[in-house]
């Protein structure tokens, strides 16, 4: 990308690639995450309930391999470790 003077700006390749792909979502719904994890949404919710840990004001469940479920109100959202 050229600036006002015509010089190319130095943008890291991962930032340029991420902006080309569009906005990324930090959290996935239980239904989406269950498919990626190879289980039903009901089983994933139960696992999150059983493994819930309170950290200050947040409730989390560490599912392993960098996968963390966080409770937002009454719903769980799942975050996968970036590749």
C-alpha atoms as a PDB file:
ATOM      1  CA  UNK A   1       0.000   0.000   0.000  1.00  0.00           C
ATOM      2  CA  UNK A   2       1.456   3.351  -0.989  1.00  0.00           C
ATOM      3  CA  UNK A   3       1.280   6.393   1.241  1.00  0.00           C
ATOM      4  CA  UNK A   4       0.685  10.020   0.150  1.00  0.00           C
ATOM      5  CA  UNK A   5       4.309  10.325  -1.043  1.00  0.00           C
ATOM      6  CA  UNK A   6       4.099   7.190  -3.177  1.00  0.00           C
ATOM      7  CA  UNK A   7       6.344   5.119  -0.877  1.00  0.00           C
ATOM      8  CA  UNK A   8       5.322   1.613   0.090  1.00  0.00           C
ATOM      9  CA  UNK A   9       4.367   1.238   3.740  1.00  0.00           C
ATOM     10  CA  UNK A  10       5.994  -1.565   5.700  1.00  0.00           C
ATOM     11  CA  UNK A  11       3.124  -3.746   6.882  1.00  0.00           C
ATOM     12  CA  UNK A  12       3.777  -7.128   8.377  1.00  0.00           C
ATOM     13  CA  UNK A  13       2.481  -9.879   6.072  1.00  0.00           C
ATOM     14  CA  UNK A  14       0.172 -11.382   8.702  1.00  0.00           C
ATOM     15  CA  UNK A  15      -1.570  -8.020   9.227  1.00  0.00           C
ATOM     16  CA  UNK A  16      -1.974  -7.515   5.487  1.00  0.00           C
ATOM     17  CA  UNK A  17      -3.350 -11.047   5.075  1.00  0.00           C
ATOM     18  CA  UNK A  18      -5.760 -10.670   8.013  1.00  0.00           C
ATOM     19  CA  UNK A  19      -7.165  -7.424   6.654  1.00  0.00           C
ATOM     20  CA  UNK A  20      -7.647  -9.039   3.243  1.00  0.00           C
ATOM     21  CA  UNK A  21      -9.644 -11.895   4.787  1.00  0.00           C
ATOM     22  CA  UNK A  22     -11.976  -9.579   6.668  1.00  0.00           C
ATOM     23  CA  UNK A  23     -12.737  -9.285  10.363  1.00  0.00           C
ATOM     24  CA  UNK A  24     -12.006 -12.298  12.513  1.00  0.00           C
ATOM     25  CA  UNK A  25     -14.147 -13.468  15.374  1.00  0.00           C
ATOM     26  CA  UNK A  26     -12.486 -14.131  18.686  1.00  0.00           C
ATOM     27  CA  UNK A  27     -15.220 -16.406  19.988  1.00  0.00           C
ATOM     28  CA  UNK A  28     -17.362 -19.085  18.391  1.00  0.00           C
ATOM     29  CA  UNK A  29     -20.767 -20.230  19.540  1.00  0.00           C
ATOM     30  CA  UNK A  30     -21.158 -23.589  21.241  1.00  0.00           C
ATOM     31  CA  UNK A  31     -22.813 -25.023  18.115  1.00  0.00           C
ATOM     32  CA  UNK A  32     -19.918 -23.968  15.866  1.00  0.00           C
ATOM     33  CA  UNK A  33     -17.245 -25.067  18.326  1.00  0.00           C
ATOM     34  CA  UNK A  34     -18.888 -28.444  18.949  1.00  0.00           C
ATOM     35  CA  UNK A  35     -18.584 -29.268  15.271  1.00  0.00           C
ATOM     36  CA  UNK A  36     -14.883 -28.400  15.272  1.00  0.00           C
ATOM     37  CA  UNK A  37     -14.324 -30.472  18.409  1.00  0.00           C
ATOM     38  CA  UNK A  38     -16.230 -33.496  17.130  1.00  0.00           C
ATOM     39  CA  UNK A  39     -18.973 -33.546  19.759  1.00  0.00           C
ATOM     40  CA  UNK A  40     -22.553 -32.442  20.137  1.00  0.00           C
ATOM     41  CA  UNK A  41     -23.442 -29.004  21.422  1.00  0.00           C
ATOM     42  CA  UNK A  42     -25.201 -30.599  24.392  1.00  0.00           C
ATOM     43  CA  UNK A  43     -22.058 -32.554  25.337  1.00  0.00           C
ATOM     44  CA  UNK A  44     -19.888 -29.431  25.030  1.00  0.00           C
ATOM     45  CA  UNK A  45     -22.232 -27.416  27.264  1.00  0.00           C
ATOM     46  CA  UNK A  46     -22.152 -30.195  29.871  1.00  0.00           C
ATOM     47  CA  UNK A  47     -18.353 -30.311  29.745  1.00  0.00           C
ATOM     48  CA  UNK A  48     -18.190 -26.543  30.211  1.00  0.00           C
ATOM     49  CA  UNK A  49     -20.527 -26.731  33.225  1.00  0.00           C
ATOM     50  CA  UNK A  50     -18.483 -29.502  34.846  1.00  0.00           C
ATOM     51  CA  UNK A  51     -15.126 -27.820  34.244  1.00  0.00           C
ATOM     52  CA  UNK A  52     -16.166 -24.244  35.064  1.00  0.00           C
ATOM     53  CA  UNK A  53     -13.634 -22.222  37.054  1.00  0.00           C
ATOM     54  CA  UNK A  54     -14.314 -18.754  38.442  1.00  0.00           C
ATOM     55  CA  UNK A  55     -11.526 -16.237  37.787  1.00  0.00           C
ATOM     56  CA  UNK A  56     -12.490 -12.957  39.379  1.00  0.00           C
ATOM     57  CA  UNK A  57     -15.718 -11.934  37.667  1.00  0.00           C
ATOM     58  CA  UNK A  58     -15.329 -14.379  34.778  1.00  0.00           C
ATOM     59  CA  UNK A  59     -16.228 -18.041  34.469  1.00  0.00           C
ATOM     60  CA  UNK A  60     -14.039 -20.144  32.195  1.00  0.00           C
ATOM     61  CA  UNK A  61     -13.532 -23.749  31.238  1.00  0.00           C
ATOM     62  CA  UNK A  62     -10.156 -24.900  29.925  1.00  0.00           C
ATOM     63  CA  UNK A  63     -10.841 -27.619  27.359  1.00  0.00           C
ATOM     64  CA  UNK A  64      -7.219 -28.387  26.479  1.00  0.00           C
ATOM     65  CA  UNK A  65      -4.825 -27.511  23.620  1.00  0.00           C
ATOM     66  CA  UNK A  66      -5.471 -23.791  24.088  1.00  0.00           C
ATOM     67  CA  UNK A  67      -9.250 -24.063  23.690  1.00  0.00           C
ATOM     68  CA  UNK A  68     -11.030 -21.973  26.333  1.00  0.00           C
ATOM     69  CA  UNK A  69     -14.765 -21.542  26.862  1.00  0.00           C
ATOM     70  CA  UNK A  70     -15.896 -18.326  28.543  1.00  0.00           C
ATOM     71  CA  UNK A  71     -19.341 -17.733  29.951  1.00  0.00           C
ATOM     72  CA  UNK A  72     -21.070 -14.522  28.890  1.00  0.00           C
ATOM     73  CA  UNK A  73     -24.236 -14.225  30.928  1.00  0.00           C
ATOM     74  CA  UNK A  74     -26.125 -17.462  30.323  1.00  0.00           C
ATOM     75  CA  UNK A  75     -24.261 -18.523  27.179  1.00  0.00           C
ATOM     76  CA  UNK A  76     -20.846 -20.043  26.589  1.00  0.00           C
ATOM     77  CA  UNK A  77     -18.482 -18.899  23.840  1.00  0.00           C
ATOM     78  CA  UNK A  78     -15.392 -20.810  22.778  1.00  0.00           C
ATOM     79  CA  UNK A  79     -12.021 -19.413  21.749  1.00  0.00           C
ATOM     80  CA  UNK A  80      -9.471 -21.478  19.851  1.00  0.00           C
ATOM     81  CA  UNK A  81      -5.738 -20.897  20.014  1.00  0.00           C
ATOM     82  CA  UNK A  82      -4.523 -19.027  16.900  1.00  0.00           C
ATOM     83  CA  UNK A  83      -2.678 -21.208  14.443  1.00  0.00           C
END
